[in-house]
């Protein structure tokens, strides 16, 4: 009877200890691995929703090149059991999400590694090139702002297409020596001085304006380019000169 009571007592104590361990361990924490081995476990959460992500591929690669793989369950939990005690690189991957990588040194027993993953953000589609027309000719006048003598250009452009589209304007200028200078007239090269982008709905008409630094010694010519074509403004002379 004493032996029977002793066996019953030992068995009951083991059950109690096992029950306490179950109560104390973290959700998803696996049983302890054998001596000199490590378990890696954790949960993967969506950064946008805060919900667990299932079917995430989890791959741990040791410093020595060994690979161990598993996948998360529907609760986002995973376990890699009985890993060597080594430095590991862990990669979490799933279609539709950005890969997530971590590195750590595994120690004997359970090693917890929780992480989050962000959905891949697709770039917005490029707006169609659209159809545009110049509603008015390019007009260039002298300006007192931002610098006295600068040239202000202005042109009205309309989206004549049936859909919203992006307009791209590029503004260039060049200086050249006014006649009479033939045959050795100086002609500068076109230099981009600015650009503008605007999404325009179908039928929208917009006036665009800008400034171009003007030469005080020779004439300055302005060019505005967009999908509708190219507009040139005749050279604008310094104040003490006349048009040529």
Protein backbone atom coordinates (compact mmCIF):
# COMPACT_ATOMS: atom_id res chain seq x y z
CA UNK A 1 0.00 0.00 0.00
CA UNK A 2 2.80 2.38 0.83
CA UNK A 3 4.40 1.78 -2.57
CA UNK A 4 1.07 2.27 -4.27
CA UNK A 5 0.48 5.53 -2.42
CA UNK A 6 4.01 6.67 -3.27
CA UNK A 7 3.50 5.99 -6.98
CA UNK A 8 0.18 7.79 -6.92
CA UNK A 9 1.71 10.74 -5.10
CA UNK A 10 4.63 11.04 -7.55
CA UNK A 11 2.31 10.74 -10.54
CA UNK A 12 0.02 13.39 -9.11
CA UNK A 13 2.95 15.73 -8.47
CA UNK A 14 4.13 15.35 -12.08
CA UNK A 15 0.66 16.20 -13.31
CA UNK A 16 0.53 19.27 -11.10
CA UNK A 17 3.95 20.46 -12.27
CA UNK A 18 2.95 19.88 -15.90
CA UNK A 19 -0.25 21.81 -15.37
CA UNK A 20 1.63 24.73 -13.80
CA UNK A 21 4.05 24.80 -16.78
CA UNK A 22 1.09 24.91 -19.18
CA UNK A 23 -0.37 27.82 -17.25
CA UNK A 24 2.89 29.76 -17.10
CA UNK A 25 4.11 29.38 -20.67
CA UNK A 26 3.30 32.03 -23.25
CA UNK A 27 0.70 31.47 -25.99
CA UNK A 28 2.34 29.51 -28.79
CA UNK A 29 5.41 28.66 -26.72
CA UNK A 30 6.53 25.10 -27.50
CA UNK A 31 7.83 22.53 -25.01
CA UNK A 32 11.49 22.91 -24.13
CA UNK A 33 13.88 21.31 -26.64
CA UNK A 34 16.48 18.69 -25.69
CA UNK A 35 19.69 19.92 -24.04
CA UNK A 36 22.06 21.84 -26.35
CA UNK A 37 19.26 22.70 -28.78
CA UNK A 38 17.05 25.72 -29.33
CA UNK A 39 13.49 26.38 -30.43
CA UNK A 40 12.52 29.52 -32.30
CA UNK A 41 8.89 30.57 -32.08
CA UNK A 42 6.68 33.63 -32.37
CA UNK A 43 3.78 35.30 -34.10
CA UNK A 44 3.54 37.42 -37.25
CA UNK A 45 1.16 40.43 -37.28
CA UNK A 46 -0.11 42.64 -40.11
CA UNK A 47 1.06 46.22 -39.50
CA UNK A 48 -2.08 47.76 -41.00
CA UNK A 49 -4.79 45.60 -39.45
CA UNK A 50 -3.08 44.33 -36.29
CA UNK A 51 -4.29 40.82 -37.15
CA UNK A 52 -2.16 37.66 -37.34
CA UNK A 53 -1.01 36.52 -40.78
CA UNK A 54 -1.27 32.88 -41.74
CA UNK A 55 0.76 30.96 -44.34
CA UNK A 56 3.86 33.12 -43.90
CA UNK A 57 7.02 31.30 -44.94
CA UNK A 58 9.62 31.39 -42.13
CA UNK A 59 13.19 30.40 -43.01
CA UNK A 60 16.08 30.40 -40.54
CA UNK A 61 19.60 30.11 -41.95
CA UNK A 62 22.47 29.38 -39.57
CA UNK A 63 25.92 30.89 -39.82
CA UNK A 64 27.08 27.50 -41.07
CA UNK A 65 24.56 27.53 -43.94
CA UNK A 66 21.91 25.13 -42.62
CA UNK A 67 18.31 26.07 -43.43
CA UNK A 68 15.19 25.35 -41.40
CA UNK A 69 11.75 26.30 -42.69
CA UNK A 70 8.15 26.32 -41.58
CA UNK A 71 4.97 28.37 -42.06
CA UNK A 72 2.67 30.26 -39.71
CA UNK A 73 -0.69 28.78 -38.82
CA UNK A 74 -4.03 30.59 -39.06
CA UNK A 75 -3.19 32.36 -35.78
CA UNK A 76 0.06 33.69 -37.23
CA UNK A 77 2.13 31.43 -34.97
CA UNK A 78 5.20 29.44 -35.99
CA UNK A 79 7.77 27.14 -34.38
CA UNK A 80 11.14 25.97 -35.60
CA UNK A 81 12.16 23.16 -33.26
CA UNK A 82 15.49 21.62 -32.30
CA UNK A 83 17.78 24.16 -33.97
CA UNK A 84 21.54 24.23 -33.33
CA UNK A 85 22.88 26.88 -30.99
CA UNK A 86 24.11 29.25 -33.66
CA UNK A 87 23.73 32.74 -35.10
CA UNK A 88 20.74 32.70 -37.47
CA UNK A 89 19.21 34.98 -40.10
CA UNK A 90 15.43 34.68 -40.22
CA UNK A 91 13.37 35.73 -43.25
CA UNK A 92 9.57 36.05 -43.22
CA UNK A 93 7.94 36.14 -46.65
CA UNK A 94 4.50 35.98 -48.20
CA UNK A 95 3.01 37.13 -51.49
CA UNK A 96 1.47 40.55 -51.10
CA UNK A 97 3.76 41.54 -48.22
CA UNK A 98 7.19 43.09 -47.92
CA UNK A 99 9.81 40.57 -46.74
CA UNK A 100 10.91 40.95 -43.13
CA UNK A 101 14.38 39.92 -41.93
CA UNK A 102 15.88 39.50 -38.46
CA UNK A 103 19.12 38.15 -37.05
CA UNK A 104 19.78 36.72 -33.60
CA UNK A 105 21.94 34.31 -31.62
CA UNK A 106 20.01 31.26 -30.50
CA UNK A 107 20.48 30.16 -26.90
CA UNK A 108 19.55 26.86 -25.35
CA UNK A 109 15.81 26.56 -24.76
CA UNK A 110 12.99 28.60 -26.26
CA UNK A 111 13.78 31.77 -28.22
CA UNK A 112 10.88 34.10 -28.98
CA UNK A 113 10.87 36.23 -32.15
CA UNK A 114 7.71 38.13 -32.97
CA UNK A 115 7.50 40.39 -35.99
CA UNK A 116 5.20 42.45 -38.17
CA UNK A 117 4.82 42.53 -41.95
CA UNK A 118 3.56 45.33 -44.16
CA UNK A 119 1.41 44.79 -47.24
CA UNK A 120 3.05 45.72 -50.51
CA UNK A 121 1.82 49.15 -51.59
CA UNK A 122 1.33 49.22 -55.33
CA UNK A 123 2.29 52.54 -56.90
CA UNK A 124 -0.64 54.43 -58.38
CA UNK A 125 -1.02 53.88 -62.11
CA UNK A 126 0.58 56.48 -64.31
CA UNK A 127 -2.01 58.91 -65.64
CA UNK A 128 -2.56 58.66 -69.39
CA UNK A 129 -0.55 61.09 -71.50
CA UNK A 130 -3.76 62.84 -72.54
CA UNK A 131 -4.47 65.29 -75.31
CA UNK A 132 -3.76 68.95 -74.81
CA UNK A 133 -3.97 72.11 -76.86
CA UNK A 134 -2.72 75.65 -76.42
CA UNK A 135 -5.74 77.84 -75.74
CA UNK A 136 -3.64 80.93 -76.31
CA UNK A 137 -0.24 81.90 -77.64
CA UNK A 138 2.74 82.15 -75.36
CA UNK A 139 2.98 85.67 -73.96
CA UNK A 140 6.18 87.03 -72.44
CA UNK A 141 6.33 90.38 -70.66
CA UNK A 142 8.83 92.20 -68.48
CA UNK A 143 8.33 91.79 -64.75
CA UNK A 144 9.23 93.82 -61.67
CA UNK A 145 9.14 90.63 -59.57
CA UNK A 146 11.03 88.65 -58.40
CA UNK A 147 13.79 90.66 -60.09
CA UNK A 148 13.34 93.84 -62.10
CA UNK A 149 13.86 93.00 -65.74
CA UNK A 150 12.96 89.31 -65.47
CA UNK A 151 10.57 87.90 -68.05
CA UNK A 152 7.17 86.54 -67.06
CA UNK A 153 5.73 83.94 -69.42
CA UNK A 154 2.08 82.97 -69.58
CA UNK A 155 0.10 80.47 -71.64
CA UNK A 156 -3.33 78.86 -71.34
CA UNK A 157 -3.51 75.10 -72.00
CA UNK A 158 -6.60 72.90 -72.25
CA UNK A 159 -7.09 69.16 -71.81
CA UNK A 160 -9.07 68.30 -74.93
CA UNK A 161 -9.08 64.56 -74.20
CA UNK A 162 -11.91 62.48 -72.74
CA UNK A 163 -10.12 61.48 -69.53
CA UNK A 164 -8.11 62.97 -66.70
CA UNK A 165 -4.45 63.24 -67.67
CA UNK A 166 -1.15 64.67 -66.49
CA UNK A 167 0.26 67.72 -68.23
CA UNK A 168 4.01 68.22 -68.20
CA UNK A 169 5.49 71.60 -69.11
CA UNK A 170 9.17 72.29 -69.63
CA UNK A 171 10.38 75.89 -69.87
CA UNK A 172 13.66 76.77 -71.56
CA UNK A 173 15.42 79.96 -72.55
CA UNK A 174 18.40 81.04 -74.58
CA UNK A 175 20.24 84.30 -75.17
CA UNK A 176 21.52 85.56 -78.46
CA UNK A 177 23.12 88.67 -79.86
CA UNK A 178 20.67 90.87 -81.77
CA UNK A 179 21.41 91.86 -85.37
CA UNK A 180 23.12 93.43 -87.13
CA UNK A 181 25.83 90.95 -86.23
CA UNK A 182 25.95 88.69 -89.28
CA UNK A 183 27.74 86.53 -90.04
CA UNK A 184 29.02 86.10 -86.48
CA UNK A 185 25.82 86.37 -84.42
CA UNK A 186 26.14 84.72 -81.02
CA UNK A 187 23.38 82.13 -80.37
CA UNK A 188 23.24 80.50 -76.95
CA UNK A 189 22.02 76.97 -76.38
CA UNK A 190 18.61 76.20 -74.93
CA UNK A 191 18.78 75.79 -71.14
CA UNK A 192 15.92 74.28 -69.12
CA UNK A 193 14.91 76.81 -66.48
CA UNK A 194 11.89 75.10 -64.97
CA UNK A 195 9.12 72.55 -65.29
CA UNK A 196 5.54 72.09 -64.12
CA UNK A 197 3.26 69.08 -63.70
CA UNK A 198 -0.49 69.16 -63.25
CA UNK A 199 -3.28 66.58 -63.35
CA UNK A 200 -6.04 68.08 -65.48
CA UNK A 201 -9.55 66.69 -65.81
CA UNK A 202 -11.16 66.36 -69.24
CA UNK A 203 -12.06 69.76 -70.63
CA UNK A 204 -10.11 71.70 -68.00
CA UNK A 205 -8.38 74.89 -69.14
CA UNK A 206 -5.61 76.40 -67.00
CA UNK A 207 -3.36 79.44 -67.24
CA UNK A 208 0.27 78.63 -66.45
CA UNK A 209 2.80 81.30 -65.52
CA UNK A 210 6.44 81.52 -64.57
CA UNK A 211 9.57 83.64 -64.58
CA UNK A 212 12.72 83.48 -66.66
CA UNK A 213 15.90 85.46 -65.88
CA UNK A 214 16.63 87.85 -68.73
CA UNK A 215 19.99 88.98 -70.01
CA UNK A 216 20.76 92.67 -69.59
CA UNK A 217 23.07 92.70 -72.59
CA UNK A 218 21.55 90.50 -75.28
CA UNK A 219 18.12 89.24 -76.22
CA UNK A 220 16.42 86.35 -74.44
CA UNK A 221 14.05 83.89 -76.09
CA UNK A 222 11.59 81.70 -74.18
CA UNK A 223 10.28 78.26 -75.17
CA UNK A 224 7.47 76.26 -73.55
CA UNK A 225 7.06 72.59 -74.47
CA UNK A 226 4.32 70.11 -73.59
CA UNK A 227 2.39 67.23 -75.16
CA UNK A 228 0.58 69.76 -77.37
CA UNK A 229 3.83 70.77 -79.01
CA UNK A 230 6.27 73.63 -78.73
CA UNK A 231 5.72 77.39 -78.40
CA UNK A 232 8.42 79.97 -79.04
CA UNK A 233 8.32 83.60 -78.01
CA UNK A 234 10.38 86.08 -80.09
CA UNK A 235 13.44 87.48 -78.38
CA UNK A 236 12.78 90.08 -75.74
CA UNK A 237 15.37 92.89 -75.94
CA UNK A 238 16.83 94.95 -73.12
CA UNK A 239 14.96 98.16 -72.32
CA UNK A 240 17.37 100.34 -74.27
CA UNK A 241 16.96 98.29 -77.45
CA UNK A 242 14.15 97.87 -79.91
CA UNK A 243 12.63 94.70 -81.34
CA UNK A 244 14.49 93.17 -84.28
